[in-house]
Amino acid sequence: MWHTVQFGGSAEAVAKSAEVQKNVDFSWGVKIPMRDGIHLNATLYKPKSGEPTPAIFTLTPYIADSYHERAFYFARHGYAFALVDCRGRGNSEGEFEAFIHEGRDGYDIVEWLAAQPWCNASVTMWGGSYAGFDQWVALKEAPPHLRTIVPAASAHAAVDFPFYKNIFFPYEMQWLTLTSGVTGNANLFGEEAFWIEKFRELYLDHRPFKELDQVAGNISNNFQKLLQTRRWLSWRGFGWFGPYRVDLARWHHQEDLVGSRREGGRPGRHEHRPGVLRHVLLRQCGSRHGVG
C-alpha cells in the first residue's frame, strides 16, 4: 500500500502559507554602500502592495537568515524589513571587529533605506543583545531618517563586554568563535561541555588568560585586540559607544524611543536606558514648563 507523505505540514497549512507568501516580495544579496566603500549585505522583505512603506532593519553578526521569521512577519503586516549582516559577517565585505563600526554603519544603512523608492523615508531599528547595542550607537550618530529604535537586552561596551567590573571572562572566546569567519558557528558555540573543559584546562595549566584562544584552538586577532587595546581600560573612555545627552539633543524623535522593561539580565542594558530616559523627561518637562 502506498502512503502520501506531505512535507511542511498539512495541506491546509501549506495552502495558507502559500497565500500569505503571495503578499511578500523577497530580494537576496542587496548591497548597501558604506561611506568607506565597503558594501554590507542585506536580505530584504517587502509587502507586495507596491506602496512606499516604513522600513525596519536588524544589523546582526549572527547571519541575516537567522531572523527570517521576524522579517517575514513584518513584511506580511505592511513593513519593509532588511536583515543586514555586520561588516565581515555573512556576505558583507570588510572585517568584523566587535562594536567598532556599528554606529557609522547603522547611520549609512538608515539613510540608504530612507532613499529607496519603496520606503516612505521613515526607518526603524529592531533587535536585542548585539542588535540592541548597535541601535544605541547608531542613535548617537543622529541619522535624520531614524524614526524609532526598539532595543532589548542591549550589550554595553566596557560594562558587560568584554569584561564585567574590570574582569574579563572566558565566555568572550566562546562568543568570538561563534562570530569567527563569515558563516554561523552555532553548533560549536553551543557545545558547552567542550568550552567548560577548555576553560578548566587554561586554569589547571596555569596559563595566562591571553592564551585562551590557543587553548580553544581558534587563534583570534579579535580576542587579542580586546585584551590589548587601551580603549578597554576604563568604561569612561567609551562615551563614543553610547549616546550622551548632547547626542540625543541632535535627534528629533526622543519621544519615540521604545524599549521593554523586561529586557533580560544584561548589566549593559541598565547603562543605556536611564540616561536616555532622563533626557527625554527633562526635555518634555522643560517644554511644558518653559524650561530651556
C-alpha atoms as a PDB file:
ATOM      1  CA  MET A   1       0.000   0.000   0.000  1.00  0.00           C
ATOM      2  CA  TRP A   2       1.287   3.462  -0.909  1.00  0.00           C
ATOM      3  CA  HIS A   3       1.032   6.367   1.521  1.00  0.00           C
ATOM      4  CA  THR A   4       1.000  10.029   0.608  1.00  0.00           C
ATOM      5  CA  VAL A   5       3.665  11.934   2.503  1.00  0.00           C
ATOM      6  CA  GLN A   6       3.346  15.702   2.850  1.00  0.00           C
ATOM      7  CA  PHE A   7       6.328  17.812   3.767  1.00  0.00           C
ATOM      8  CA  GLY A   8       5.950  21.065   5.690  1.00  0.00           C
ATOM      9  CA  GLY A   9       2.651  20.319   7.473  1.00  0.00           C
ATOM     10  CA  SER A  10      -0.935  19.633   6.447  1.00  0.00           C
ATOM     11  CA  ALA A  11      -2.338  20.551   3.032  1.00  0.00           C
ATOM     12  CA  GLU A  12      -4.418  23.263   4.689  1.00  0.00           C
ATOM     13  CA  ALA A  13      -1.358  24.777   6.411  1.00  0.00           C
ATOM     14  CA  VAL A  14       0.661  24.656   3.198  1.00  0.00           C
ATOM     15  CA  ALA A  15      -2.123  26.378   1.267  1.00  0.00           C
ATOM     16  CA  LYS A  16      -2.464  29.060   3.928  1.00  0.00           C
ATOM     17  CA  SER A  17       1.310  29.656   3.945  1.00  0.00           C
ATOM     18  CA  ALA A  18       1.337  29.933   0.156  1.00  0.00           C
ATOM     19  CA  GLU A  19      -1.432  32.514   0.279  1.00  0.00           C
ATOM     20  CA  VAL A  20       0.497  34.570   2.817  1.00  0.00           C
ATOM     21  CA  GLN A  21       3.690  34.363   0.771  1.00  0.00           C
ATOM     22  CA  LYS A  22       1.922  35.843  -2.241  1.00  0.00           C
ATOM     23  CA  ASN A  23       1.812  39.110  -0.324  1.00  0.00           C
ATOM     24  CA  VAL A  24       5.581  39.318   0.236  1.00  0.00           C
ATOM     25  CA  ASP A  25       8.413  40.180  -2.153  1.00  0.00           C
ATOM     26  CA  PHE A  26      11.924  38.983  -1.368  1.00  0.00           C
ATOM     27  CA  SER A  27      15.352  40.227  -2.503  1.00  0.00           C
ATOM     28  CA  TRP A  28      18.520  38.361  -1.565  1.00  0.00           C
ATOM     29  CA  GLY A  29      22.001  39.836  -1.783  1.00  0.00           C
ATOM     30  CA  VAL A  30      21.083  43.521  -1.660  1.00  0.00           C
ATOM     31  CA  LYS A  31      24.313  45.537  -1.350  1.00  0.00           C
ATOM     32  CA  ILE A  32      24.238  48.646   0.843  1.00  0.00           C
ATOM     33  CA  PRO A  33      27.186  51.039   0.359  1.00  0.00           C
ATOM     34  CA  MET A  34      29.045  52.407   3.383  1.00  0.00           C
ATOM     35  CA  ARG A  35      30.931  55.702   3.426  1.00  0.00           C
ATOM     36  CA  ASP A  36      34.316  53.948   3.274  1.00  0.00           C
ATOM     37  CA  GLY A  37      33.477  51.934   0.150  1.00  0.00           C
ATOM     38  CA  ILE A  38      32.535  48.697   1.956  1.00  0.00           C
ATOM     39  CA  HIS A  39      29.229  47.097   0.976  1.00  0.00           C
ATOM     40  CA  LEU A  40      27.060  45.355   3.554  1.00  0.00           C
ATOM     41  CA  ASN A  41      24.816  42.506   2.506  1.00  0.00           C
ATOM     42  CA  ALA A  42      21.092  42.648   3.201  1.00  0.00           C
ATOM     43  CA  THR A  43      18.195  40.282   2.730  1.00  0.00           C
ATOM     44  CA  LEU A  44      15.128  42.393   2.004  1.00  0.00           C
ATOM     45  CA  TYR A  45      11.491  41.510   2.607  1.00  0.00           C
ATOM     46  CA  LYS A  46       8.760  43.838   1.334  1.00  0.00           C
ATOM     47  CA  PRO A  47       4.960  43.820   1.231  1.00  0.00           C
ATOM     48  CA  LYS A  48       3.759  43.311  -2.334  1.00  0.00           C
ATOM     49  CA  SER A  49       1.393  46.275  -2.298  1.00  0.00           C
ATOM     50  CA  GLY A  50       3.857  48.445  -4.183  1.00  0.00           C
ATOM     51  CA  GLU A  51       3.178  51.457  -1.989  1.00  0.00           C
ATOM     52  CA  PRO A  52       6.110  53.041  -0.096  1.00  0.00           C
ATOM     53  CA  THR A  53       6.193  51.797   3.493  1.00  0.00           C
ATOM     54  CA  PRO A  54       8.287  52.363   6.624  1.00  0.00           C
ATOM     55  CA  ALA A  55      11.435  50.256   6.711  1.00  0.00           C
ATOM     56  CA  ILE A  56      12.738  48.269   9.687  1.00  0.00           C
ATOM     57  CA  PHE A  57      16.161  46.695   9.873  1.00  0.00           C
ATOM     58  CA  THR A  58      18.265  44.498  12.127  1.00  0.00           C
ATOM     59  CA  LEU A  59      22.062  44.784  11.921  1.00  0.00           C
ATOM     60  CA  THR A  60      23.464  41.487  13.125  1.00  0.00           C
ATOM     61  CA  PRO A  61      26.701  39.495  13.329  1.00  0.00           C
ATOM     62  CA  TYR A  62      24.632  36.291  13.529  1.00  0.00           C
ATOM     63  CA  ILE A  63      23.870  35.975   9.774  1.00  0.00           C
ATOM     64  CA  ALA A  64      20.751  37.506   8.274  1.00  0.00           C
ATOM     65  CA  ASP A  65      18.948  34.207   7.697  1.00  0.00           C
ATOM     66  CA  SER A  66      18.748  33.670  11.473  1.00  0.00           C
ATOM     67  CA  TYR A  67      15.954  36.259  11.642  1.00  0.00           C
ATOM     68  CA  HIS A  68      13.959  35.199   8.575  1.00  0.00           C
ATOM     69  CA  GLU A  69      10.791  34.548  10.566  1.00  0.00           C
ATOM     70  CA  ARG A  70      10.853  38.028  12.125  1.00  0.00           C
ATOM     71  CA  ALA A  71      11.349  39.766   8.795  1.00  0.00           C
ATOM     72  CA  PHE A  72       8.631  37.715   7.125  1.00  0.00           C
ATOM     73  CA  TYR A  73       6.202  38.618   9.899  1.00  0.00           C
ATOM     74  CA  PHE A  74       6.697  42.355   9.458  1.00  0.00           C
ATOM     75  CA  ALA A  75       6.564  42.148   5.655  1.00  0.00           C
ATOM     76  CA  ARG A  76       3.232  40.332   5.898  1.00  0.00           C
ATOM     77  CA  HIS A  77       1.978  43.191   8.067  1.00  0.00           C
ATOM     78  CA  GLY A  78       2.919  46.046   5.801  1.00  0.00           C
ATOM     79  CA  TYR A  79       6.546  46.911   6.600  1.00  0.00           C
ATOM     80  CA  ALA A  80       9.710  46.508   4.583  1.00  0.00           C
ATOM     81  CA  PHE A  81      12.305  44.642   6.650  1.00  0.00           C
ATOM     82  CA  ALA A  82      16.033  44.400   5.900  1.00  0.00           C
ATOM     83  CA  LEU A  83      18.223  41.847   7.634  1.00  0.00           C
ATOM     84  CA  VAL A  84      21.754  43.236   7.363  1.00  0.00           C
ATOM     85  CA  ASP A  85      24.971  41.325   8.062  1.00  0.00           C
ATOM     86  CA  CYS A  86      27.564  43.297  10.048  1.00  0.00           C
ATOM     87  CA  ARG A  87      30.727  44.025   8.095  1.00  0.00           C
ATOM     88  CA  GLY A  88      32.887  40.943   7.842  1.00  0.00           C
ATOM     89  CA  ARG A  89      29.984  38.598   8.586  1.00  0.00           C
ATOM     90  CA  GLY A  90      27.703  36.689   6.254  1.00  0.00           C
ATOM     91  CA  ASN A  91      28.042  38.102   2.758  1.00  0.00           C
ATOM     92  CA  SER A  92      29.117  41.567   3.872  1.00  0.00           C
ATOM     93  CA  GLU A  93      32.518  42.922   2.922  1.00  0.00           C
ATOM     94  CA  GLY A  94      35.187  44.106   5.346  1.00  0.00           C
ATOM     95  CA  GLU A  95      36.496  42.758   8.633  1.00  0.00           C
ATOM     96  CA  PHE A  96      34.341  42.053  11.663  1.00  0.00           C
ATOM     97  CA  GLU A  97      35.534  43.961  14.733  1.00  0.00           C
ATOM     98  CA  ALA A  98      33.084  43.694  17.603  1.00  0.00           C
ATOM     99  CA  PHE A  99      31.404  47.015  18.468  1.00  0.00           C
ATOM    100  CA  ILE A 100      33.710  49.204  16.374  1.00  0.00           C
ATOM    101  CA  HIS A 101      31.865  50.046  13.153  1.00  0.00           C
ATOM    102  CA  GLU A 102      28.190  49.652  14.000  1.00  0.00           C
ATOM    103  CA  GLY A 103      27.429  53.307  14.763  1.00  0.00           C
ATOM    104  CA  ARG A 104      28.505  54.738  11.430  1.00  0.00           C
ATOM    105  CA  ASP A 105      27.375  51.680   9.505  1.00  0.00           C
ATOM    106  CA  GLY A 106      23.977  51.980  11.174  1.00  0.00           C
ATOM    107  CA  TYR A 107      23.745  55.620  10.092  1.00  0.00           C
ATOM    108  CA  ASP A 108      24.601  54.734   6.488  1.00  0.00           C
ATOM    109  CA  ILE A 109      22.041  51.911   6.426  1.00  0.00           C
ATOM    110  CA  VAL A 110      19.294  54.196   7.760  1.00  0.00           C
ATOM    111  CA  GLU A 111      19.932  56.857   5.139  1.00  0.00           C
ATOM    112  CA  TRP A 112      20.258  54.339   2.292  1.00  0.00           C
ATOM    113  CA  LEU A 113      16.959  52.672   3.206  1.00  0.00           C
ATOM    114  CA  ALA A 114      15.200  56.035   3.529  1.00  0.00           C
ATOM    115  CA  ALA A 115      16.273  56.967  -0.005  1.00  0.00           C
ATOM    116  CA  GLN A 116      14.825  53.855  -1.662  1.00  0.00           C
ATOM    117  CA  PRO A 117      11.637  54.294  -3.735  1.00  0.00           C
ATOM    118  CA  TRP A 118       9.833  51.571  -1.776  1.00  0.00           C
ATOM    119  CA  CYS A 119      10.475  53.338   1.569  1.00  0.00           C
ATOM    120  CA  ASN A 120       8.434  56.313   2.802  1.00  0.00           C
ATOM    121  CA  ALA A 121      11.577  57.797   4.442  1.00  0.00           C
ATOM    122  CA  SER A 122      10.730  56.508   7.941  1.00  0.00           C
ATOM    123  CA  VAL A 123      13.238  53.954   9.263  1.00  0.00           C
ATOM    124  CA  THR A 124      13.273  51.916  12.462  1.00  0.00           C
ATOM    125  CA  MET A 125      15.876  49.639  14.041  1.00  0.00           C
ATOM    126  CA  TRP A 126      14.855  46.462  15.864  1.00  0.00           C
ATOM    127  CA  GLY A 127      16.737  43.790  17.809  1.00  0.00           C
ATOM    128  CA  GLY A 128      18.251  42.587  21.044  1.00  0.00           C
ATOM    129  CA  SER A 129      21.648  41.927  22.621  1.00  0.00           C
ATOM    130  CA  TYR A 130      24.272  42.871  19.996  1.00  0.00           C
ATOM    131  CA  ALA A 131      21.498  44.126  17.717  1.00  0.00           C
ATOM    132  CA  GLY A 132      20.268  46.215  20.644  1.00  0.00           C
ATOM    133  CA  PHE A 133      23.701  47.718  21.202  1.00  0.00           C
ATOM    134  CA  ASP A 134      24.112  48.806  17.602  1.00  0.00           C
ATOM    135  CA  GLN A 135      20.839  50.734  17.802  1.00  0.00           C
ATOM    136  CA  TRP A 136      22.223  52.916  20.596  1.00  0.00           C
ATOM    137  CA  VAL A 137      25.425  53.690  18.748  1.00  0.00           C
ATOM    138  CA  ALA A 138      23.523  54.422  15.541  1.00  0.00           C
ATOM    139  CA  LEU A 139      21.285  56.751  17.549  1.00  0.00           C
ATOM    140  CA  LYS A 140      24.396  58.575  18.723  1.00  0.00           C
ATOM    141  CA  GLU A 141      25.239  59.329  15.092  1.00  0.00           C
ATOM    142  CA  ALA A 142      21.807  61.006  14.687  1.00  0.00           C
ATOM    143  CA  PRO A 143      20.750  59.799  11.232  1.00  0.00           C
ATOM    144  CA  PRO A 144      17.981  62.183  10.070  1.00  0.00           C
ATOM    145  CA  HIS A 145      15.569  59.450   8.973  1.00  0.00           C
ATOM    146  CA  LEU A 146      15.822  57.209  12.029  1.00  0.00           C
ATOM    147  CA  ARG A 147      12.328  57.443  13.460  1.00  0.00           C
ATOM    148  CA  THR A 148      12.375  54.861  16.257  1.00  0.00           C
ATOM    149  CA  ILE A 149      14.654  52.311  17.904  1.00  0.00           C
ATOM    150  CA  VAL A 150      13.454  49.139  19.625  1.00  0.00           C
ATOM    151  CA  PRO A 151      16.429  47.741  21.588  1.00  0.00           C
ATOM    152  CA  ALA A 152      16.182  44.878  24.085  1.00  0.00           C
ATOM    153  CA  ALA A 153      18.770  43.370  26.442  1.00  0.00           C
ATOM    154  CA  SER A 154      21.418  45.585  24.856  1.00  0.00           C
ATOM    155  CA  ALA A 155      25.077  44.877  25.426  1.00  0.00           C
ATOM    156  CA  HIS A 156      27.144  47.865  26.574  1.00  0.00           C
ATOM    157  CA  ALA A 157      30.838  48.036  25.747  1.00  0.00           C
ATOM    158  CA  ALA A 158      33.084  48.132  28.818  1.00  0.00           C
ATOM    159  CA  VAL A 159      30.129  47.378  31.111  1.00  0.00           C
ATOM    160  CA  ASP A 160      29.278  43.773  30.227  1.00  0.00           C
ATOM    161  CA  PHE A 161      31.580  43.263  27.255  1.00  0.00           C
ATOM    162  CA  PRO A 162      34.407  42.324  27.045  1.00  0.00           C
ATOM    163  CA  PHE A 163      34.559  42.394  30.841  1.00  0.00           C
ATOM    164  CA  TYR A 164      32.321  42.927  33.852  1.00  0.00           C
ATOM    165  CA  LYS A 165      33.612  45.075  36.713  1.00  0.00           C
ATOM    166  CA  ASN A 166      37.053  45.071  35.075  1.00  0.00           C
ATOM    167  CA  ILE A 167      37.249  41.277  34.977  1.00  0.00           C
ATOM    168  CA  PHE A 168      37.467  39.543  31.604  1.00  0.00           C
ATOM    169  CA  PHE A 169      35.595  36.279  31.389  1.00  0.00           C
ATOM    170  CA  PRO A 170      36.288  33.296  29.148  1.00  0.00           C
ATOM    171  CA  TYR A 171      32.843  33.434  27.526  1.00  0.00           C
ATOM    172  CA  GLU A 172      34.236  36.119  25.214  1.00  0.00           C
ATOM    173  CA  MET A 173      36.357  33.490  23.452  1.00  0.00           C
ATOM    174  CA  GLN A 174      33.297  31.288  23.062  1.00  0.00           C
ATOM    175  CA  TRP A 175      31.338  34.201  21.566  1.00  0.00           C
ATOM    176  CA  LEU A 176      34.210  35.208  19.271  1.00  0.00           C
ATOM    177  CA  THR A 177      34.227  31.651  17.943  1.00  0.00           C
ATOM    178  CA  LEU A 178      30.513  31.956  17.195  1.00  0.00           C
ATOM    179  CA  THR A 179      31.297  35.083  15.158  1.00  0.00           C
ATOM    180  CA  SER A 180      34.543  33.842  13.571  1.00  0.00           C
ATOM    181  CA  GLY A 181      34.723  33.738   9.786  1.00  0.00           C
ATOM    182  CA  VAL A 182      31.677  34.599   7.694  1.00  0.00           C
ATOM    183  CA  THR A 183      29.288  31.741   8.470  1.00  0.00           C
ATOM    184  CA  GLY A 184      27.356  30.775  11.571  1.00  0.00           C
ATOM    185  CA  ASN A 185      29.117  28.502  14.082  1.00  0.00           C
ATOM    186  CA  ALA A 186      26.164  27.851  16.352  1.00  0.00           C
ATOM    187  CA  ASN A 187      26.869  24.173  16.939  1.00  0.00           C
ATOM    188  CA  LEU A 188      30.418  24.753  18.148  1.00  0.00           C
ATOM    189  CA  PHE A 189      29.299  27.743  20.196  1.00  0.00           C
ATOM    190  CA  GLY A 190      26.650  25.645  21.898  1.00  0.00           C
ATOM    191  CA  GLU A 191      28.960  22.744  22.775  1.00  0.00           C
ATOM    192  CA  GLU A 192      29.038  23.672  26.473  1.00  0.00           C
ATOM    193  CA  ALA A 193      30.958  20.621  27.683  1.00  0.00           C
ATOM    194  CA  PHE A 194      33.784  21.442  25.257  1.00  0.00           C
ATOM    195  CA  TRP A 195      34.034  25.054  26.411  1.00  0.00           C
ATOM    196  CA  ILE A 196      33.909  24.177  30.100  1.00  0.00           C
ATOM    197  CA  GLU A 197      36.751  21.722  29.581  1.00  0.00           C
ATOM    198  CA  LYS A 198      38.835  24.321  27.712  1.00  0.00           C
ATOM    199  CA  PHE A 199      38.305  26.940  30.407  1.00  0.00           C
ATOM    200  CA  ARG A 200      39.229  24.341  33.035  1.00  0.00           C
ATOM    201  CA  GLU A 201      42.351  23.386  31.076  1.00  0.00           C
ATOM    202  CA  LEU A 202      43.521  27.016  30.994  1.00  0.00           C
ATOM    203  CA  TYR A 203      43.085  27.261  34.761  1.00  0.00           C
ATOM    204  CA  LEU A 204      44.685  23.942  35.716  1.00  0.00           C
ATOM    205  CA  ASP A 205      47.683  24.511  33.443  1.00  0.00           C
ATOM    206  CA  HIS A 206      48.248  27.974  34.969  1.00  0.00           C
ATOM    207  CA  ARG A 207      48.314  29.575  31.540  1.00  0.00           C
ATOM    208  CA  PRO A 208      47.749  33.315  31.095  1.00  0.00           C
ATOM    209  CA  PHE A 209      44.297  34.425  30.008  1.00  0.00           C
ATOM    210  CA  LYS A 210      45.687  35.808  26.746  1.00  0.00           C
ATOM    211  CA  GLU A 211      46.422  32.230  25.627  1.00  0.00           C
ATOM    212  CA  LEU A 212      42.782  31.146  25.840  1.00  0.00           C
ATOM    213  CA  ASP A 213      42.372  31.364  22.074  1.00  0.00           C
ATOM    214  CA  GLN A 214      45.274  28.938  21.658  1.00  0.00           C
ATOM    215  CA  VAL A 215      43.796  26.545  24.210  1.00  0.00           C
ATOM    216  CA  ALA A 216      40.436  26.696  22.453  1.00  0.00           C
ATOM    217  CA  GLY A 217      42.012  26.041  19.062  1.00  0.00           C
ATOM    218  CA  ASN A 218      40.897  29.300  17.483  1.00  0.00           C
ATOM    219  CA  ILE A 219      43.765  31.794  17.183  1.00  0.00           C
ATOM    220  CA  SER A 220      41.800  35.031  17.201  1.00  0.00           C
ATOM    221  CA  ASN A 221      43.029  38.502  16.324  1.00  0.00           C
ATOM    222  CA  ASN A 222      39.799  39.896  17.709  1.00  0.00           C
ATOM    223  CA  PHE A 223      40.419  38.227  21.069  1.00  0.00           C
ATOM    224  CA  GLN A 224      43.926  39.666  21.263  1.00  0.00           C
ATOM    225  CA  LYS A 225      42.662  43.126  20.285  1.00  0.00           C
ATOM    226  CA  LEU A 226      40.117  43.033  23.085  1.00  0.00           C
ATOM    227  CA  LEU A 227      42.857  42.272  25.608  1.00  0.00           C
ATOM    228  CA  GLN A 228      45.454  44.729  24.353  1.00  0.00           C
ATOM    229  CA  THR A 229      43.715  47.866  23.196  1.00  0.00           C
ATOM    230  CA  ARG A 230      43.758  50.837  25.564  1.00  0.00           C
ATOM    231  CA  ARG A 231      40.121  51.549  24.721  1.00  0.00           C
ATOM    232  CA  TRP A 232      39.047  48.863  27.191  1.00  0.00           C
ATOM    233  CA  LEU A 233      40.977  50.207  30.202  1.00  0.00           C
ATOM    234  CA  SER A 234      38.123  52.310  31.565  1.00  0.00           C
ATOM    235  CA  TRP A 235      34.437  52.490  30.780  1.00  0.00           C
ATOM    236  CA  ARG A 236      34.754  56.278  30.943  1.00  0.00           C
ATOM    237  CA  GLY A 237      36.642  56.090  27.691  1.00  0.00           C
ATOM    238  CA  PHE A 238      33.604  54.647  25.958  1.00  0.00           C
ATOM    239  CA  GLY A 239      31.392  57.684  25.548  1.00  0.00           C
ATOM    240  CA  TRP A 240      31.583  57.141  21.792  1.00  0.00           C
ATOM    241  CA  PHE A 241      29.860  53.778  22.241  1.00  0.00           C
ATOM    242  CA  GLY A 242      26.594  55.191  23.520  1.00  0.00           C
ATOM    243  CA  PRO A 243      24.656  58.440  23.358  1.00  0.00           C
ATOM    244  CA  TYR A 244      25.329  61.324  25.731  1.00  0.00           C
ATOM    245  CA  ARG A 245      22.618  63.920  26.324  1.00  0.00           C
ATOM    246  CA  VAL A 246      24.311  66.214  23.830  1.00  0.00           C
ATOM    247  CA  ASP A 247      23.980  63.469  21.225  1.00  0.00           C
ATOM    248  CA  LEU A 248      20.308  62.969  21.974  1.00  0.00           C
ATOM    249  CA  ALA A 249      19.682  66.680  21.620  1.00  0.00           C
ATOM    250  CA  ARG A 250      20.618  66.321  17.942  1.00  0.00           C
ATOM    251  CA  TRP A 251      17.983  63.656  17.396  1.00  0.00           C
ATOM    252  CA  HIS A 252      14.460  64.866  16.737  1.00  0.00           C
ATOM    253  CA  HIS A 253      12.374  61.880  17.839  1.00  0.00           C
ATOM    254  CA  GLN A 254      13.238  61.375  21.507  1.00  0.00           C
ATOM    255  CA  GLU A 255       9.613  60.700  22.356  1.00  0.00           C
ATOM    256  CA  ASP A 256       9.719  57.636  20.102  1.00  0.00           C
ATOM    257  CA  LEU A 257      12.374  55.626  21.906  1.00  0.00           C
ATOM    258  CA  VAL A 258      10.936  52.190  22.573  1.00  0.00           C
ATOM    259  CA  GLY A 259      12.187  49.522  24.926  1.00  0.00           C
ATOM    260  CA  SER A 260      10.890  46.845  27.216  1.00  0.00           C
ATOM    261  CA  ARG A 261      11.241  46.900  30.963  1.00  0.00           C
ATOM    262  CA  ARG A 262      11.655  43.132  30.800  1.00  0.00           C
ATOM    263  CA  GLU A 263      14.834  43.099  28.790  1.00  0.00           C
ATOM    264  CA  GLY A 264      16.709  40.270  30.415  1.00  0.00           C
ATOM    265  CA  GLY A 265      19.554  40.384  32.899  1.00  0.00           C
ATOM    266  CA  ARG A 266      22.335  42.094  30.957  1.00  0.00           C
ATOM    267  CA  PRO A 267      24.032  44.764  33.089  1.00  0.00           C
ATOM    268  CA  GLY A 268      24.676  46.772  29.945  1.00  0.00           C
ATOM    269  CA  ARG A 269      21.037  47.442  29.210  1.00  0.00           C
ATOM    270  CA  HIS A 270      20.768  49.333  32.528  1.00  0.00           C
ATOM    271  CA  GLU A 271      23.517  51.679  31.362  1.00  0.00           C
ATOM    272  CA  HIS A 272      21.783  52.681  28.134  1.00  0.00           C
ATOM    273  CA  ARG A 273      18.254  53.380  29.279  1.00  0.00           C
ATOM    274  CA  PRO A 274      18.474  55.659  32.358  1.00  0.00           C
ATOM    275  CA  GLY A 275      20.437  58.455  30.692  1.00  0.00           C
ATOM    276  CA  VAL A 276      18.166  58.434  27.686  1.00  0.00           C
ATOM    277  CA  LEU A 277      15.004  58.410  29.757  1.00  0.00           C
ATOM    278  CA  ARG A 278      16.306  61.267  31.929  1.00  0.00           C
ATOM    279  CA  HIS A 279      16.986  63.289  28.803  1.00  0.00           C
ATOM    280  CA  VAL A 280      13.516  62.588  27.377  1.00  0.00           C
ATOM    281  CA  LEU A 281      11.803  63.502  30.648  1.00  0.00           C
ATOM    282  CA  LEU A 282      13.805  66.695  31.068  1.00  0.00           C
ATOM    283  CA  ARG A 283      13.043  67.690  27.509  1.00  0.00           C
ATOM    284  CA  GLN A 284       9.318  67.027  27.894  1.00  0.00           C
ATOM    285  CA  CYS A 285       9.025  68.653  31.311  1.00  0.00           C
ATOM    286  CA  GLY A 286      11.081  71.625  30.155  1.00  0.00           C
ATOM    287  CA  SER A 287       8.875  72.204  27.118  1.00  0.00           C
ATOM    288  CA  ARG A 288       5.773  72.082  29.297  1.00  0.00           C
ATOM    289  CA  HIS A 289       7.028  74.442  31.961  1.00  0.00           C
ATOM    290  CA  GLY A 290       9.105  76.856  29.918  1.00  0.00           C
ATOM    291  CA  VAL A 291      12.458  75.486  30.993  1.00  0.00           C
ATOM    292  CA  GLY A 292      15.213  75.854  28.346  1.00  0.00           C
END
